Amino acid sequence: MDVLYFAWVRERIGLPREKVESDASTVAELVAELRGREERYEVAFSDLSALRVAVDQELTDFDASLQGAREVAFFPPMTGG
């Protein structure tokens, strides 16, 4: 699946997107796999309350299923303006 990173998440990981092969069944399991990769992922995902997630361009939460998902995006909360 494609994993996309936006704003400071992208800056901390150093990539705007990557293809990820994963056995994760939920977003939370995917995050756990990513955090285990390298320190930069651990830093980026250290405070999940500061992140939002979308699966196939639909806002969701971290216990959402990844079954059939083609894309997961991580980004900070959006503000109006």
N, C-alpha and C. Protein backbone atom coordinates (compact mmCIF):
# COMPACT_ATOMS: atom_id res chain seq x y z
N MET A 1 0.85 -1.18 0.00
CA MET A 1 0.00 0.00 0.00
C MET A 1 0.89 1.23 0.00
N ASP A 2 0.35 2.34 -0.45
CA ASP A 2 1.06 3.61 -0.40
C ASP A 2 0.83 4.24 0.97
N VAL A 3 1.90 4.73 1.58
CA VAL A 3 1.79 5.45 2.83
C VAL A 3 2.30 6.87 2.57
N LEU A 4 1.46 7.85 2.86
CA LEU A 4 1.78 9.25 2.61
C LEU A 4 1.98 9.99 3.92
N TYR A 5 2.94 10.91 3.90
CA TYR A 5 3.24 11.71 5.09
C TYR A 5 3.16 13.19 4.70
N PHE A 6 2.50 13.98 5.55
CA PHE A 6 2.32 15.40 5.27
C PHE A 6 2.86 16.26 6.41
N ALA A 7 3.24 17.49 6.06
CA ALA A 7 3.68 18.52 7.00
C ALA A 7 4.85 18.02 7.85
N TRP A 8 4.81 18.22 9.16
CA TRP A 8 5.96 17.85 10.00
C TRP A 8 6.19 16.35 10.06
N VAL A 9 5.18 15.55 9.76
CA VAL A 9 5.38 14.10 9.72
C VAL A 9 6.36 13.77 8.60
N ARG A 10 6.15 14.37 7.44
CA ARG A 10 7.05 14.20 6.30
C ARG A 10 8.45 14.68 6.65
N GLU A 11 8.54 15.81 7.32
CA GLU A 11 9.86 16.36 7.68
C GLU A 11 10.61 15.41 8.62
N ARG A 12 9.93 14.83 9.58
CA ARG A 12 10.60 13.94 10.54
C ARG A 12 11.00 12.61 9.90
N ILE A 13 10.19 12.11 9.00
CA ILE A 13 10.50 10.83 8.36
C ILE A 13 11.44 11.02 7.18
N GLY A 14 11.34 12.17 6.53
CA GLY A 14 12.23 12.46 5.41
C GLY A 14 11.73 11.97 4.06
N LEU A 15 10.47 11.57 4.00
CA LEU A 15 9.87 11.08 2.76
C LEU A 15 8.45 11.62 2.64
N PRO A 16 8.01 11.94 1.42
CA PRO A 16 6.61 12.33 1.25
C PRO A 16 5.68 11.13 1.13
N ARG A 17 6.22 9.99 0.63
CA ARG A 17 5.41 8.78 0.48
C ARG A 17 6.33 7.59 0.28
N GLU A 18 5.80 6.41 0.54
CA GLU A 18 6.54 5.18 0.29
C GLU A 18 5.57 4.03 0.12
N LYS A 19 6.01 3.01 -0.58
CA LYS A 19 5.24 1.76 -0.69
C LYS A 19 5.62 0.90 0.50
N VAL A 20 4.64 0.35 1.18
CA VAL A 20 4.88 -0.46 2.37
C VAL A 20 4.19 -1.81 2.21
N GLU A 21 4.94 -2.86 2.40
CA GLU A 21 4.38 -4.21 2.48
C GLU A 21 4.14 -4.47 3.96
N SER A 22 2.92 -4.80 4.32
CA SER A 22 2.58 -4.94 5.73
C SER A 22 1.55 -6.05 5.94
N ASP A 23 1.66 -6.70 7.08
CA ASP A 23 0.66 -7.67 7.50
C ASP A 23 -0.34 -7.05 8.48
N ALA A 24 -0.22 -5.74 8.71
CA ALA A 24 -1.08 -5.06 9.68
C ALA A 24 -2.54 -5.14 9.24
N SER A 25 -3.42 -5.36 10.21
CA SER A 25 -4.85 -5.38 9.90
C SER A 25 -5.54 -4.08 10.29
N THR A 26 -4.86 -3.25 11.08
CA THR A 26 -5.41 -1.94 11.46
C THR A 26 -4.34 -0.87 11.29
N VAL A 27 -4.78 0.37 11.30
CA VAL A 27 -3.83 1.48 11.23
C VAL A 27 -2.87 1.43 12.40
N ALA A 28 -3.37 1.14 13.60
CA ALA A 28 -2.51 1.08 14.79
C ALA A 28 -1.41 0.03 14.62
N GLU A 29 -1.74 -1.11 14.04
CA GLU A 29 -0.72 -2.13 13.80
C GLU A 29 0.31 -1.66 12.77
N LEU A 30 -0.15 -0.94 11.75
CA LEU A 30 0.78 -0.38 10.77
C LEU A 30 1.73 0.61 11.44
N VAL A 31 1.19 1.47 12.29
CA VAL A 31 2.02 2.43 13.02
C VAL A 31 3.06 1.70 13.86
N ALA A 32 2.66 0.63 14.53
CA ALA A 32 3.61 -0.14 15.35
C ALA A 32 4.73 -0.71 14.48
N GLU A 33 4.38 -1.21 13.31
CA GLU A 33 5.41 -1.72 12.39
C GLU A 33 6.35 -0.61 11.96
N LEU A 34 5.79 0.53 11.59
CA LEU A 34 6.63 1.65 11.15
C LEU A 34 7.54 2.14 12.27
N ARG A 35 7.00 2.24 13.48
CA ARG A 35 7.82 2.71 14.61
C ARG A 35 9.00 1.78 14.87
N GLY A 36 8.85 0.50 14.55
CA GLY A 36 9.92 -0.45 14.75
C GLY A 36 11.01 -0.40 13.70
N ARG A 37 10.79 0.36 12.65
CA ARG A 37 11.77 0.43 11.56
C ARG A 37 13.05 1.17 11.94
N GLU A 38 12.87 2.43 12.32
CA GLU A 38 14.01 3.32 12.59
C GLU A 38 13.57 4.40 13.57
N GLU A 39 14.55 5.07 14.13
CA GLU A 39 14.26 6.14 15.10
C GLU A 39 13.41 7.25 14.51
N ARG A 40 13.62 7.60 13.25
CA ARG A 40 12.86 8.71 12.65
C ARG A 40 11.36 8.41 12.65
N TYR A 41 10.97 7.15 12.46
CA TYR A 41 9.56 6.77 12.53
C TYR A 41 9.06 6.81 13.98
N GLU A 42 9.90 6.35 14.89
CA GLU A 42 9.55 6.39 16.31
C GLU A 42 9.25 7.83 16.73
N VAL A 43 10.09 8.76 16.29
CA VAL A 43 9.90 10.17 16.64
C VAL A 43 8.61 10.70 16.00
N ALA A 44 8.39 10.40 14.74
CA ALA A 44 7.22 10.92 14.04
C ALA A 44 5.91 10.40 14.64
N PHE A 45 5.92 9.16 15.12
CA PHE A 45 4.69 8.55 15.64
C PHE A 45 4.67 8.47 17.16
N SER A 46 5.49 9.26 17.83
CA SER A 46 5.59 9.18 19.29
C SER A 46 4.33 9.69 20.01
N ASP A 47 3.60 10.59 19.40
CA ASP A 47 2.39 11.15 20.03
C ASP A 47 1.23 11.06 19.05
N LEU A 48 0.50 9.97 19.09
CA LEU A 48 -0.59 9.77 18.13
C LEU A 48 -1.73 10.77 18.30
N SER A 49 -1.83 11.39 19.48
CA SER A 49 -2.88 12.39 19.66
C SER A 49 -2.61 13.64 18.82
N ALA A 50 -1.38 13.79 18.32
CA ALA A 50 -1.01 14.93 17.48
C ALA A 50 -1.12 14.58 15.99
N LEU A 51 -1.70 13.42 15.68
CA LEU A 51 -1.80 12.98 14.29
C LEU A 51 -3.23 12.65 13.90
N ARG A 52 -3.50 12.80 12.64
CA ARG A 52 -4.75 12.34 12.05
C ARG A 52 -4.37 11.34 10.96
N VAL A 53 -5.33 10.51 10.60
CA VAL A 53 -5.07 9.49 9.59
C VAL A 53 -6.26 9.40 8.64
N ALA A 54 -5.95 9.11 7.38
CA ALA A 54 -6.97 8.85 6.38
C ALA A 54 -6.62 7.55 5.68
N VAL A 55 -7.62 6.71 5.46
CA VAL A 55 -7.45 5.47 4.71
C VAL A 55 -8.25 5.63 3.42
N ASP A 56 -7.56 5.50 2.31
CA ASP A 56 -8.18 5.71 0.99
C ASP A 56 -8.95 7.03 0.95
N GLN A 57 -8.32 8.08 1.47
CA GLN A 57 -8.79 9.46 1.46
C GLN A 57 -10.05 9.71 2.29
N GLU A 58 -10.31 8.82 3.25
CA GLU A 58 -11.41 9.00 4.20
C GLU A 58 -10.84 9.14 5.59
N LEU A 59 -11.13 10.25 6.27
CA LEU A 59 -10.66 10.42 7.64
C LEU A 59 -11.18 9.27 8.50
N THR A 60 -10.32 8.76 9.36
CA THR A 60 -10.69 7.65 10.21
C THR A 60 -9.87 7.70 11.49
N ASP A 61 -9.92 6.65 12.29
CA ASP A 61 -9.09 6.62 13.50
C ASP A 61 -8.12 5.45 13.42
N PHE A 62 -7.31 5.33 14.45
CA PHE A 62 -6.20 4.39 14.42
C PHE A 62 -6.63 2.93 14.58
N ASP A 63 -7.87 2.68 14.95
CA ASP A 63 -8.31 1.28 15.02
C ASP A 63 -9.04 0.85 13.74
N ALA A 64 -8.99 1.69 12.71
CA ALA A 64 -9.64 1.38 11.44
C ALA A 64 -8.95 0.21 10.74
N SER A 65 -9.76 -0.57 10.05
CA SER A 65 -9.27 -1.73 9.30
C SER A 65 -8.48 -1.27 8.07
N LEU A 66 -7.48 -2.05 7.73
CA LEU A 66 -6.71 -1.81 6.51
C LEU A 66 -7.07 -2.82 5.42
N GLN A 67 -8.07 -3.64 5.66
CA GLN A 67 -8.44 -4.64 4.67
C GLN A 67 -8.83 -3.96 3.36
N GLY A 68 -8.13 -4.30 2.30
CA GLY A 68 -8.39 -3.73 0.99
C GLY A 68 -7.87 -2.32 0.79
N ALA A 69 -7.21 -1.74 1.79
CA ALA A 69 -6.73 -0.36 1.68
C ALA A 69 -5.60 -0.25 0.66
N ARG A 70 -5.66 0.81 -0.11
CA ARG A 70 -4.59 1.10 -1.08
C ARG A 70 -3.69 2.23 -0.62
N GLU A 71 -4.23 3.10 0.28
CA GLU A 71 -3.47 4.28 0.68
C GLU A 71 -3.79 4.65 2.12
N VAL A 72 -2.75 4.99 2.87
CA VAL A 72 -2.89 5.50 4.23
C VAL A 72 -2.10 6.79 4.30
N ALA A 73 -2.71 7.83 4.82
CA ALA A 73 -2.04 9.14 4.93
C ALA A 73 -2.03 9.58 6.39
N PHE A 74 -0.88 10.11 6.80
CA PHE A 74 -0.71 10.65 8.16
C PHE A 74 -0.40 12.13 8.07
N PHE A 75 -1.06 12.92 8.93
CA PHE A 75 -0.89 14.37 8.90
C PHE A 75 -1.30 14.96 10.24
N PRO A 76 -0.83 16.17 10.53
CA PRO A 76 -1.26 16.84 11.76
C PRO A 76 -2.70 17.33 11.62
N PRO A 77 -3.36 17.64 12.74
CA PRO A 77 -4.73 18.18 12.65
C PRO A 77 -4.76 19.43 11.79
N MET A 78 -5.84 19.56 11.04
CA MET A 78 -5.99 20.72 10.19
C MET A 78 -6.68 21.83 10.98
N THR A 79 -6.30 23.05 10.68
CA THR A 79 -6.95 24.19 11.33
C THR A 79 -7.65 25.02 10.27
N GLY A 80 -8.69 25.69 10.68
CA GLY A 80 -9.43 26.54 9.76
C GLY A 80 -8.72 27.86 9.53
N GLY A 81 -9.18 28.59 8.57
CA GLY A 81 -8.57 29.89 8.37
C GLY A 81 -8.80 30.48 7.04
